[in-house]
Amino acid sequence: MKQKFDIIESTCVPLPVENVDTDQIIPARFLKATGRDEKFFGENLFRDWRFHADGTPEPSFVLNDPRYSGCILVAGRNFGSGSSREHAAWAIAGYGFRVVISSFFADIHKNNELNNFVLPVVVSEGFLSELFASISADPKMKVRVDVPSQRVTNLATGRSERFELNSYKKYCLMNALDDIDWLLEQKEAIEDFEKKSRR
């Protein structure tokens, strides 16, 4: 869903698991869907971890734990590895996450998140470990993600780090524009360029 990004302050959902691949994020059997229904994909995020084969919830999985909520997912290193399926980013967005924090993302998945209005925030291993510790100590603690200044802050400790964000994607996120929207915004400049190039 297109939403403008500015400053996001939220509680977090911790997933301290490394090498989470896209098949774990959204199992392959759900890729048969022909439409991009956010509700459908969100409901099936981490399907095989969230539910037993009979469809009953797995109470030990973090998304089923009532202590944790919020629009920020804090994940272990190497998040989104494996298949390049964009459906994984659809599922994360469809569930309601707006930010994923990790110390490393698979490149294709990172770009898929950005293209689907989910902000991947890369932090140091030390900062990530501190976040997990803070969330474990107090599930109601919050994290602030300041997109204009590109800083993420653990509000439980006050520690912050700067994160990298491509200037083009930053502009798009802050203005709720996808790639097509951005091109339409440049329509006059493109038409002017075309007129000049015909001369």
N, C-alpha and C. Protein backbone atom coordinates (compact mmCIF):
# COMPACT_ATOMS: atom_id res chain seq x y z
N MET A 1 0.84 -1.19 0.00
CA MET A 1 0.00 0.00 0.00
C MET A 1 0.88 1.25 0.00
N LYS A 2 0.55 2.20 -0.83
CA LYS A 2 1.33 3.42 -0.92
C LYS A 2 1.05 4.31 0.29
N GLN A 3 2.10 4.56 1.06
CA GLN A 3 2.00 5.48 2.19
C GLN A 3 3.25 6.33 2.21
N LYS A 4 3.10 7.59 2.57
CA LYS A 4 4.27 8.45 2.68
C LYS A 4 5.10 8.05 3.90
N PHE A 5 6.42 8.05 3.72
CA PHE A 5 7.33 7.75 4.81
C PHE A 5 7.93 9.05 5.33
N ASP A 6 7.90 9.18 6.65
CA ASP A 6 8.54 10.33 7.30
C ASP A 6 9.27 9.80 8.54
N ILE A 7 8.66 9.93 9.70
CA ILE A 7 9.20 9.35 10.92
C ILE A 7 8.24 8.28 11.40
N ILE A 8 8.74 7.08 11.52
CA ILE A 8 7.93 5.94 11.98
C ILE A 8 8.42 5.56 13.37
N GLU A 9 7.52 5.53 14.31
CA GLU A 9 7.86 5.13 15.68
C GLU A 9 6.91 4.00 16.08
N SER A 10 7.46 2.86 16.43
CA SER A 10 6.61 1.70 16.65
C SER A 10 7.28 0.68 17.57
N THR A 11 6.43 -0.16 18.18
CA THR A 11 6.93 -1.37 18.81
C THR A 11 7.38 -2.31 17.70
N CYS A 12 8.04 -3.41 18.08
CA CYS A 12 8.66 -4.27 17.08
C CYS A 12 8.27 -5.73 17.26
N VAL A 13 8.38 -6.46 16.16
CA VAL A 13 8.22 -7.91 16.17
C VAL A 13 9.60 -8.51 15.93
N PRO A 14 10.14 -9.26 16.90
CA PRO A 14 11.49 -9.80 16.74
C PRO A 14 11.49 -11.18 16.07
N LEU A 15 12.37 -11.35 15.10
CA LEU A 15 12.55 -12.64 14.45
C LEU A 15 14.06 -12.91 14.40
N PRO A 16 14.65 -13.34 15.51
CA PRO A 16 16.11 -13.51 15.59
C PRO A 16 16.59 -14.80 14.92
N VAL A 17 16.24 -14.94 13.65
CA VAL A 17 16.61 -16.11 12.87
C VAL A 17 17.42 -15.64 11.68
N GLU A 18 18.58 -16.26 11.44
CA GLU A 18 19.41 -15.89 10.30
C GLU A 18 19.01 -16.69 9.06
N ASN A 19 19.35 -16.13 7.90
CA ASN A 19 19.14 -16.81 6.61
C ASN A 19 17.68 -17.16 6.34
N VAL A 20 16.77 -16.25 6.69
CA VAL A 20 15.36 -16.45 6.38
C VAL A 20 15.18 -16.25 4.88
N ASP A 21 14.77 -17.29 4.19
CA ASP A 21 14.65 -17.16 2.73
C ASP A 21 13.21 -16.87 2.32
N THR A 22 13.06 -16.56 1.04
CA THR A 22 11.74 -16.12 0.56
C THR A 22 10.71 -17.24 0.57
N ASP A 23 11.15 -18.50 0.55
CA ASP A 23 10.20 -19.60 0.64
C ASP A 23 9.64 -19.73 2.05
N GLN A 24 10.41 -19.30 3.04
CA GLN A 24 9.91 -19.27 4.41
C GLN A 24 8.99 -18.07 4.61
N ILE A 25 9.32 -16.97 3.93
CA ILE A 25 8.48 -15.77 4.03
C ILE A 25 7.11 -16.02 3.40
N ILE A 26 7.10 -16.58 2.19
CA ILE A 26 5.84 -16.96 1.53
C ILE A 26 6.09 -18.25 0.75
N PRO A 27 5.56 -19.37 1.22
CA PRO A 27 5.81 -20.66 0.56
C PRO A 27 5.39 -20.68 -0.92
N ALA A 28 6.10 -21.48 -1.69
CA ALA A 28 5.94 -21.50 -3.14
C ALA A 28 4.51 -21.81 -3.59
N ARG A 29 3.77 -22.59 -2.80
CA ARG A 29 2.41 -22.96 -3.23
C ARG A 29 1.47 -21.77 -3.34
N PHE A 30 1.84 -20.66 -2.72
CA PHE A 30 0.99 -19.46 -2.78
C PHE A 30 1.31 -18.58 -3.99
N LEU A 31 2.30 -18.96 -4.76
CA LEU A 31 2.68 -18.15 -5.92
C LEU A 31 1.75 -18.37 -7.10
N LYS A 32 0.83 -19.31 -6.97
CA LYS A 32 -0.13 -19.58 -8.05
C LYS A 32 -1.17 -18.46 -8.17
N ALA A 33 -1.28 -17.65 -7.12
CA ALA A 33 -2.27 -16.57 -7.15
C ALA A 33 -1.97 -15.64 -8.33
N THR A 34 -3.00 -15.29 -9.07
CA THR A 34 -2.81 -14.46 -10.26
C THR A 34 -2.92 -12.97 -9.98
N GLY A 35 -3.47 -12.62 -8.82
CA GLY A 35 -3.59 -11.22 -8.45
C GLY A 35 -2.70 -10.89 -7.28
N ARG A 36 -2.57 -9.60 -7.03
CA ARG A 36 -1.74 -9.16 -5.91
C ARG A 36 -2.67 -8.68 -4.79
N ASP A 37 -3.26 -9.63 -4.11
CA ASP A 37 -4.18 -9.34 -3.02
C ASP A 37 -3.38 -9.21 -1.73
N GLU A 38 -3.23 -7.98 -1.22
CA GLU A 38 -2.41 -7.76 -0.03
C GLU A 38 -2.89 -8.58 1.16
N LYS A 39 -4.22 -8.66 1.30
CA LYS A 39 -4.78 -9.41 2.44
C LYS A 39 -4.41 -10.89 2.33
N PHE A 40 -4.53 -11.45 1.14
CA PHE A 40 -4.21 -12.86 0.93
C PHE A 40 -2.76 -13.15 1.27
N PHE A 41 -1.85 -12.35 0.72
CA PHE A 41 -0.43 -12.61 0.96
C PHE A 41 -0.04 -12.31 2.41
N GLY A 42 -0.62 -11.27 2.98
CA GLY A 42 -0.34 -10.95 4.38
C GLY A 42 -0.79 -12.06 5.32
N GLU A 43 -1.93 -12.64 5.02
CA GLU A 43 -2.45 -13.74 5.86
C GLU A 43 -1.57 -14.98 5.79
N ASN A 44 -0.79 -15.09 4.72
CA ASN A 44 0.05 -16.27 4.55
C ASN A 44 1.54 -15.99 4.75
N LEU A 45 1.86 -14.83 5.30
CA LEU A 45 3.24 -14.52 5.66
C LEU A 45 3.74 -15.55 6.68
N PHE A 46 4.90 -16.13 6.41
CA PHE A 46 5.49 -17.17 7.29
C PHE A 46 4.48 -18.30 7.57
N ARG A 47 3.71 -18.65 6.57
CA ARG A 47 2.61 -19.60 6.75
C ARG A 47 3.03 -20.89 7.46
N ASP A 48 4.14 -21.48 7.02
CA ASP A 48 4.51 -22.79 7.58
C ASP A 48 5.13 -22.68 8.97
N TRP A 49 5.49 -21.47 9.37
CA TRP A 49 5.97 -21.25 10.74
C TRP A 49 4.82 -20.82 11.65
N ARG A 50 3.86 -20.12 11.09
CA ARG A 50 2.74 -19.60 11.88
C ARG A 50 1.67 -20.64 12.18
N PHE A 51 1.49 -21.61 11.27
CA PHE A 51 0.38 -22.55 11.38
C PHE A 51 0.83 -23.99 11.25
N HIS A 52 0.12 -24.87 11.93
CA HIS A 52 0.32 -26.31 11.76
C HIS A 52 -0.34 -26.72 10.44
N ALA A 53 -0.10 -27.95 10.03
CA ALA A 53 -0.67 -28.46 8.78
C ALA A 53 -2.20 -28.42 8.77
N ASP A 54 -2.81 -28.53 9.96
CA ASP A 54 -4.28 -28.50 10.03
C ASP A 54 -4.85 -27.08 10.10
N GLY A 55 -3.96 -26.08 10.00
CA GLY A 55 -4.41 -24.69 9.99
C GLY A 55 -4.49 -24.02 11.35
N THR A 56 -4.20 -24.77 12.40
CA THR A 56 -4.23 -24.16 13.74
C THR A 56 -2.94 -23.38 13.98
N PRO A 57 -3.02 -22.26 14.70
CA PRO A 57 -1.82 -21.45 14.94
C PRO A 57 -0.76 -22.17 15.77
N GLU A 58 0.50 -21.91 15.45
CA GLU A 58 1.62 -22.39 16.24
C GLU A 58 1.89 -21.33 17.32
N PRO A 59 1.51 -21.60 18.57
CA PRO A 59 1.57 -20.56 19.61
C PRO A 59 2.97 -20.03 19.91
N SER A 60 3.99 -20.81 19.60
CA SER A 60 5.35 -20.37 19.92
C SER A 60 5.92 -19.41 18.88
N PHE A 61 5.26 -19.29 17.71
CA PHE A 61 5.80 -18.40 16.69
C PHE A 61 5.46 -16.95 17.03
N VAL A 62 6.42 -16.07 16.77
CA VAL A 62 6.32 -14.69 17.24
C VAL A 62 5.09 -13.94 16.75
N LEU A 63 4.62 -14.20 15.51
CA LEU A 63 3.44 -13.49 15.01
C LEU A 63 2.16 -13.92 15.73
N ASN A 64 2.23 -15.02 16.45
CA ASN A 64 1.09 -15.49 17.23
C ASN A 64 1.23 -15.16 18.71
N ASP A 65 2.29 -14.46 19.06
CA ASP A 65 2.56 -14.10 20.46
C ASP A 65 1.98 -12.72 20.73
N PRO A 66 0.97 -12.61 21.58
CA PRO A 66 0.32 -11.32 21.81
C PRO A 66 1.21 -10.25 22.44
N ARG A 67 2.38 -10.65 22.91
CA ARG A 67 3.29 -9.65 23.51
C ARG A 67 3.89 -8.73 22.45
N TYR A 68 3.93 -9.22 21.20
CA TYR A 68 4.63 -8.47 20.16
C TYR A 68 3.68 -7.94 19.09
N SER A 69 3.89 -6.70 18.72
CA SER A 69 3.07 -6.08 17.68
C SER A 69 3.85 -4.91 17.09
N GLY A 70 3.26 -4.27 16.12
CA GLY A 70 3.89 -3.09 15.54
C GLY A 70 4.17 -3.27 14.06
N CYS A 71 4.63 -2.20 13.44
CA CYS A 71 4.87 -2.21 11.99
C CYS A 71 6.34 -2.36 11.64
N ILE A 72 7.17 -2.70 12.64
CA ILE A 72 8.60 -2.91 12.40
C ILE A 72 8.96 -4.36 12.70
N LEU A 73 9.52 -5.05 11.71
CA LEU A 73 10.02 -6.40 11.89
C LEU A 73 11.54 -6.32 12.06
N VAL A 74 12.04 -6.91 13.14
CA VAL A 74 13.49 -6.94 13.38
C VAL A 74 13.94 -8.38 13.12
N ALA A 75 14.76 -8.57 12.10
CA ALA A 75 15.11 -9.92 11.64
C ALA A 75 16.61 -10.17 11.70
N GLY A 76 16.96 -11.46 11.74
CA GLY A 76 18.36 -11.85 11.76
C GLY A 76 19.05 -11.59 10.43
N ARG A 77 20.36 -11.79 10.43
CA ARG A 77 21.20 -11.53 9.27
C ARG A 77 20.80 -12.36 8.06
N ASN A 78 20.98 -11.77 6.88
CA ASN A 78 20.72 -12.40 5.59
C ASN A 78 19.23 -12.68 5.40
N PHE A 79 18.45 -11.65 5.54
CA PHE A 79 16.99 -11.76 5.39
C PHE A 79 16.61 -11.68 3.91
N GLY A 80 15.73 -12.59 3.47
CA GLY A 80 15.22 -12.55 2.10
C GLY A 80 16.10 -13.23 1.08
N SER A 81 16.91 -14.19 1.52
CA SER A 81 17.76 -14.92 0.58
C SER A 81 16.92 -15.92 -0.23
N GLY A 82 17.57 -16.59 -1.16
CA GLY A 82 16.85 -17.60 -1.96
C GLY A 82 16.20 -17.02 -3.20
N SER A 83 15.03 -17.54 -3.53
CA SER A 83 14.31 -17.13 -4.74
C SER A 83 14.06 -15.62 -4.75
N SER A 84 14.00 -15.07 -5.96
CA SER A 84 13.80 -13.62 -6.11
C SER A 84 12.33 -13.21 -6.08
N ARG A 85 11.44 -14.11 -5.72
CA ARG A 85 9.99 -13.85 -5.79
C ARG A 85 9.58 -12.55 -5.11
N GLU A 86 8.90 -11.70 -5.86
CA GLU A 86 8.40 -10.44 -5.30
C GLU A 86 7.28 -10.68 -4.31
N HIS A 87 6.65 -11.83 -4.39
CA HIS A 87 5.55 -12.16 -3.49
C HIS A 87 5.96 -12.07 -2.02
N ALA A 88 7.25 -12.29 -1.73
CA ALA A 88 7.72 -12.20 -0.35
C ALA A 88 7.56 -10.78 0.17
N ALA A 89 7.89 -9.80 -0.65
CA ALA A 89 7.70 -8.41 -0.25
C ALA A 89 6.22 -8.08 -0.16
N TRP A 90 5.40 -8.64 -1.06
CA TRP A 90 3.95 -8.42 -0.98
C TRP A 90 3.40 -8.92 0.35
N ALA A 91 3.89 -10.09 0.78
CA ALA A 91 3.40 -10.67 2.04
C ALA A 91 3.79 -9.82 3.24
N ILE A 92 5.02 -9.32 3.23
CA ILE A 92 5.47 -8.47 4.34
C ILE A 92 4.64 -7.20 4.40
N ALA A 93 4.44 -6.57 3.24
CA ALA A 93 3.63 -5.35 3.19
C ALA A 93 2.17 -5.65 3.53
N GLY A 94 1.66 -6.76 3.02
CA GLY A 94 0.27 -7.13 3.25
C GLY A 94 -0.03 -7.40 4.71
N TYR A 95 0.95 -7.89 5.44
CA TYR A 95 0.76 -8.15 6.87
C TYR A 95 0.69 -6.83 7.66
N GLY A 96 1.33 -5.80 7.12
CA GLY A 96 1.30 -4.50 7.78
C GLY A 96 2.65 -3.97 8.22
N PHE A 97 3.72 -4.70 7.89
CA PHE A 97 5.05 -4.20 8.22
C PHE A 97 5.44 -3.08 7.26
N ARG A 98 5.97 -2.01 7.80
CA ARG A 98 6.44 -0.90 6.97
C ARG A 98 7.97 -0.82 6.94
N VAL A 99 8.59 -1.43 7.95
CA VAL A 99 10.05 -1.41 8.07
C VAL A 99 10.53 -2.80 8.46
N VAL A 100 11.63 -3.24 7.84
CA VAL A 100 12.32 -4.44 8.27
C VAL A 100 13.75 -4.03 8.60
N ILE A 101 14.19 -4.38 9.80
CA ILE A 101 15.55 -4.05 10.24
C ILE A 101 16.35 -5.35 10.30
N SER A 102 17.53 -5.34 9.70
CA SER A 102 18.43 -6.50 9.74
C SER A 102 19.85 -5.99 9.52
N SER A 103 20.81 -6.87 9.74
CA SER A 103 22.20 -6.48 9.49
C SER A 103 22.63 -6.78 8.06
N PHE A 104 21.80 -7.53 7.32
CA PHE A 104 22.09 -7.82 5.92
C PHE A 104 20.84 -8.33 5.22
N PHE A 105 20.61 -7.84 4.01
CA PHE A 105 19.49 -8.28 3.18
C PHE A 105 20.03 -8.84 1.87
N ALA A 106 19.37 -9.86 1.35
CA ALA A 106 19.65 -10.27 -0.02
C ALA A 106 19.27 -9.12 -0.95
N ASP A 107 20.13 -8.82 -1.92
CA ASP A 107 19.94 -7.62 -2.75
C ASP A 107 18.60 -7.55 -3.46
N ILE A 108 18.19 -8.65 -4.10
CA ILE A 108 16.94 -8.62 -4.86
C ILE A 108 15.77 -8.40 -3.93
N HIS A 109 15.77 -9.10 -2.81
CA HIS A 109 14.66 -8.93 -1.86
C HIS A 109 14.65 -7.51 -1.30
N LYS A 110 15.79 -6.97 -1.04
CA LYS A 110 15.87 -5.58 -0.54
C LYS A 110 15.20 -4.63 -1.52
N ASN A 111 15.52 -4.79 -2.80
CA ASN A 111 14.91 -3.92 -3.81
C ASN A 111 13.41 -4.18 -3.95
N ASN A 112 13.00 -5.45 -3.83
CA ASN A 112 11.58 -5.75 -3.88
C ASN A 112 10.82 -5.08 -2.73
N GLU A 113 11.43 -5.07 -1.56
CA GLU A 113 10.79 -4.37 -0.43
C GLU A 113 10.62 -2.89 -0.75
N LEU A 114 11.68 -2.27 -1.22
CA LEU A 114 11.60 -0.83 -1.54
C LEU A 114 10.53 -0.55 -2.58
N ASN A 115 10.41 -1.43 -3.57
CA ASN A 115 9.42 -1.25 -4.63
C ASN A 115 7.99 -1.46 -4.14
N ASN A 116 7.85 -2.04 -2.94
CA ASN A 116 6.52 -2.33 -2.40
C ASN A 116 6.26 -1.58 -1.10
N PHE A 117 6.95 -0.45 -0.95
CA PHE A 117 6.72 0.45 0.18
C PHE A 117 6.98 -0.21 1.54
N VAL A 118 8.04 -1.01 1.57
CA VAL A 118 8.58 -1.53 2.82
C VAL A 118 10.03 -1.06 2.86
N LEU A 119 10.43 -0.45 3.96
CA LEU A 119 11.78 0.10 4.05
C LEU A 119 12.72 -0.90 4.72
N PRO A 120 13.74 -1.41 3.98
CA PRO A 120 14.75 -2.27 4.59
C PRO A 120 15.85 -1.40 5.21
N VAL A 121 16.06 -1.56 6.50
CA VAL A 121 17.05 -0.76 7.22
C VAL A 121 18.20 -1.67 7.62
N VAL A 122 19.39 -1.38 7.11
CA VAL A 122 20.57 -2.19 7.42
C VAL A 122 21.32 -1.53 8.58
N VAL A 123 21.54 -2.31 9.64
CA VAL A 123 22.25 -1.83 10.83
C VAL A 123 23.44 -2.74 11.10
N SER A 124 24.30 -2.32 12.01
CA SER A 124 25.44 -3.14 12.39
C SER A 124 24.98 -4.35 13.20
N GLU A 125 25.85 -5.36 13.26
CA GLU A 125 25.53 -6.55 14.06
C GLU A 125 25.32 -6.18 15.52
N GLY A 126 26.15 -5.24 16.03
CA GLY A 126 26.03 -4.82 17.42
C GLY A 126 24.71 -4.14 17.71
N PHE A 127 24.30 -3.27 16.79
CA PHE A 127 23.04 -2.56 16.98
C PHE A 127 21.87 -3.54 16.92
N LEU A 128 21.94 -4.50 16.00
CA LEU A 128 20.88 -5.51 15.87
C LEU A 128 20.78 -6.35 17.15
N SER A 129 21.91 -6.76 17.67
CA SER A 129 21.92 -7.55 18.91
C SER A 129 21.31 -6.76 20.06
N GLU A 130 21.64 -5.49 20.13
CA GLU A 130 21.08 -4.65 21.19
C GLU A 130 19.57 -4.51 21.04
N LEU A 131 19.10 -4.39 19.80
CA LEU A 131 17.66 -4.30 19.57
C LEU A 131 16.95 -5.55 20.07
N PHE A 132 17.48 -6.72 19.70
CA PHE A 132 16.87 -7.97 20.16
C PHE A 132 16.84 -8.03 21.69
N ALA A 133 17.92 -7.60 22.33
CA ALA A 133 17.98 -7.62 23.79
C ALA A 133 16.96 -6.67 24.39
N SER A 134 16.81 -5.49 23.81
CA SER A 134 15.85 -4.50 24.31
C SER A 134 14.42 -4.99 24.17
N ILE A 135 14.12 -5.61 23.02
CA ILE A 135 12.76 -6.12 22.79
C ILE A 135 12.46 -7.27 23.75
N SER A 136 13.46 -8.13 23.98
CA SER A 136 13.27 -9.24 24.91
C SER A 136 13.01 -8.73 26.33
N ALA A 137 13.71 -7.67 26.71
CA ALA A 137 13.55 -7.11 28.05
C ALA A 137 12.21 -6.40 28.21
N ASP A 138 11.74 -5.77 27.13
CA ASP A 138 10.48 -5.03 27.19
C ASP A 138 9.82 -5.03 25.81
N PRO A 139 8.87 -5.94 25.57
CA PRO A 139 8.21 -6.01 24.26
C PRO A 139 7.49 -4.72 23.86
N LYS A 140 7.28 -3.80 24.80
CA LYS A 140 6.60 -2.55 24.48
C LYS A 140 7.58 -1.43 24.12
N MET A 141 8.88 -1.73 24.15
CA MET A 141 9.85 -0.70 23.76
C MET A 141 9.64 -0.33 22.30
N LYS A 142 10.07 0.87 21.93
CA LYS A 142 9.84 1.36 20.57
C LYS A 142 11.15 1.70 19.87
N VAL A 143 11.05 1.68 18.56
CA VAL A 143 12.14 2.09 17.68
C VAL A 143 11.63 3.23 16.82
N ARG A 144 12.49 4.21 16.62
CA ARG A 144 12.14 5.33 15.72
C ARG A 144 12.97 5.21 14.46
N VAL A 145 12.30 5.26 13.33
CA VAL A 145 12.98 5.26 12.03
C VAL A 145 12.68 6.60 11.37
N ASP A 146 13.71 7.42 11.29
CA ASP A 146 13.59 8.77 10.74
C ASP A 146 14.10 8.73 9.31
N VAL A 147 13.18 8.71 8.36
CA VAL A 147 13.57 8.58 6.96
C VAL A 147 14.27 9.84 6.45
N PRO A 148 13.78 11.06 6.75
CA PRO A 148 14.48 12.24 6.25
C PRO A 148 15.95 12.30 6.67
N SER A 149 16.25 11.96 7.93
CA SER A 149 17.64 12.02 8.39
C SER A 149 18.36 10.68 8.25
N GLN A 150 17.63 9.65 7.82
CA GLN A 150 18.17 8.31 7.64
C GLN A 150 18.83 7.79 8.92
N ARG A 151 18.07 7.89 10.03
CA ARG A 151 18.57 7.40 11.31
C ARG A 151 17.54 6.48 11.95
N VAL A 152 18.06 5.42 12.56
CA VAL A 152 17.21 4.50 13.32
C VAL A 152 17.67 4.57 14.77
N THR A 153 16.71 4.67 15.69
CA THR A 153 17.03 4.85 17.11
C THR A 153 16.31 3.83 17.97
N ASN A 154 17.08 3.19 18.82
CA ASN A 154 16.53 2.29 19.84
C ASN A 154 16.11 3.20 21.00
N LEU A 155 14.82 3.43 21.17
CA LEU A 155 14.36 4.38 22.18
C LEU A 155 14.52 3.84 23.60
N ALA A 156 14.80 2.56 23.75
CA ALA A 156 15.04 2.01 25.08
C ALA A 156 16.43 2.38 25.60
N THR A 157 17.38 2.55 24.67
CA THR A 157 18.76 2.85 25.08
C THR A 157 19.22 4.22 24.60
N GLY A 158 18.53 4.78 23.60
CA GLY A 158 18.95 6.05 23.04
C GLY A 158 19.99 5.91 21.95
N ARG A 159 20.46 4.70 21.71
CA ARG A 159 21.49 4.50 20.69
C ARG A 159 20.87 4.60 19.31
N SER A 160 21.61 5.21 18.38
CA SER A 160 21.10 5.34 17.01
C SER A 160 22.20 5.08 16.00
N GLU A 161 21.78 4.75 14.81
CA GLU A 161 22.71 4.55 13.69
C GLU A 161 22.10 5.15 12.44
N ARG A 162 22.97 5.57 11.54
CA ARG A 162 22.52 6.06 10.25
C ARG A 162 22.41 4.88 9.30
N PHE A 163 21.39 4.87 8.45
CA PHE A 163 21.25 3.80 7.46
C PHE A 163 21.30 4.40 6.06
N GLU A 164 21.73 3.57 5.12
CA GLU A 164 21.84 4.00 3.73
C GLU A 164 20.49 3.89 3.03
N LEU A 165 20.22 4.84 2.16
CA LEU A 165 19.00 4.81 1.36
C LEU A 165 19.23 5.59 0.08
N ASN A 166 19.08 4.92 -1.04
CA ASN A 166 19.23 5.54 -2.35
C ASN A 166 18.35 6.79 -2.44
N SER A 167 18.91 7.89 -2.95
CA SER A 167 18.19 9.17 -2.97
C SER A 167 16.90 9.10 -3.78
N TYR A 168 16.91 8.32 -4.87
CA TYR A 168 15.71 8.16 -5.68
C TYR A 168 14.62 7.44 -4.89
N LYS A 169 14.98 6.33 -4.25
CA LYS A 169 14.00 5.58 -3.48
C LYS A 169 13.54 6.38 -2.26
N LYS A 170 14.42 7.14 -1.70
CA LYS A 170 14.05 7.99 -0.56
C LYS A 170 12.97 8.99 -1.00
N TYR A 171 13.18 9.62 -2.14
CA TYR A 171 12.19 10.57 -2.66
C TYR A 171 10.85 9.88 -2.91
N CYS A 172 10.92 8.68 -3.52
CA CYS A 172 9.69 7.95 -3.82
C CYS A 172 8.95 7.57 -2.53
N LEU A 173 9.66 7.06 -1.54
CA LEU A 173 9.02 6.67 -0.29
C LEU A 173 8.41 7.87 0.43
N MET A 174 9.13 8.97 0.45
CA MET A 174 8.64 10.14 1.18
C MET A 174 7.46 10.81 0.48
N ASN A 175 7.28 10.49 -0.81
CA ASN A 175 6.17 11.08 -1.56
C ASN A 175 5.14 10.06 -2.02
N ALA A 176 5.27 8.82 -1.51
CA ALA A 176 4.34 7.73 -1.85
C ALA A 176 4.22 7.53 -3.36
N LEU A 177 5.37 7.45 -4.01
CA LEU A 177 5.41 7.28 -5.47
C LEU A 177 6.04 5.94 -5.82
N ASP A 178 5.40 5.19 -6.72
CA ASP A 178 6.10 4.05 -7.28
C ASP A 178 6.82 4.52 -8.54
N ASP A 179 7.48 3.60 -9.24
CA ASP A 179 8.28 4.01 -10.40
C ASP A 179 7.43 4.67 -11.50
N ILE A 180 6.21 4.16 -11.70
CA ILE A 180 5.32 4.74 -12.71
C ILE A 180 4.88 6.14 -12.29
N ASP A 181 4.53 6.28 -11.02
CA ASP A 181 4.14 7.60 -10.52
C ASP A 181 5.26 8.61 -10.75
N TRP A 182 6.50 8.18 -10.47
CA TRP A 182 7.64 9.08 -10.62
C TRP A 182 7.81 9.49 -12.08
N LEU A 183 7.65 8.53 -13.00
CA LEU A 183 7.76 8.85 -14.42
C LEU A 183 6.67 9.83 -14.84
N LEU A 184 5.45 9.63 -14.35
CA LEU A 184 4.37 10.55 -14.68
C LEU A 184 4.64 11.94 -14.14
N GLU A 185 5.31 11.99 -12.99
CA GLU A 185 5.66 13.28 -12.41
C GLU A 185 6.67 14.02 -13.29
N GLN A 186 7.45 13.25 -14.04
CA GLN A 186 8.47 13.83 -14.92
C GLN A 186 7.95 14.06 -16.35
N LYS A 187 6.64 13.91 -16.54
CA LYS A 187 6.06 13.93 -17.89
C LYS A 187 6.45 15.19 -18.68
N GLU A 188 6.32 16.35 -18.07
CA GLU A 188 6.62 17.60 -18.80
C GLU A 188 8.08 17.65 -19.19
N ALA A 189 8.98 17.24 -18.28
CA ALA A 189 10.41 17.28 -18.58
C ALA A 189 10.75 16.29 -19.70
N ILE A 190 10.09 15.12 -19.68
CA ILE A 190 10.33 14.12 -20.72
C ILE A 190 9.84 14.63 -22.08
N GLU A 191 8.65 15.23 -22.09
CA GLU A 191 8.11 15.76 -23.35
C GLU A 191 8.98 16.89 -23.88
N ASP A 192 9.49 17.73 -22.97
CA ASP A 192 10.36 18.83 -23.39
C ASP A 192 11.65 18.28 -23.98
N PHE A 193 12.20 17.25 -23.38
CA PHE A 193 13.43 16.63 -23.88
C PHE A 193 13.18 16.04 -25.28
N GLU A 194 12.04 15.37 -25.45
CA GLU A 194 11.73 14.77 -26.74
C GLU A 194 11.59 15.83 -27.83
N LYS A 195 10.96 16.95 -27.49
CA LYS A 195 10.82 18.03 -28.48
C LYS A 195 12.17 18.57 -28.91
N LYS A 196 13.06 18.75 -27.93
CA LYS A 196 14.39 19.28 -28.22
C LYS A 196 15.20 18.30 -29.05
N SER A 197 15.04 17.00 -28.75
CA SER A 197 15.86 15.99 -29.47
C SER A 197 15.41 15.80 -30.91
N ARG A 198 14.20 16.24 -31.26
CA ARG A 198 13.71 16.12 -32.62
C ARG A 198 14.26 17.23 -33.53
N ARG A 199 14.77 18.28 -32.93
CA ARG A 199 15.24 19.41 -33.73
C ARG A 199 16.52 19.10 -34.46
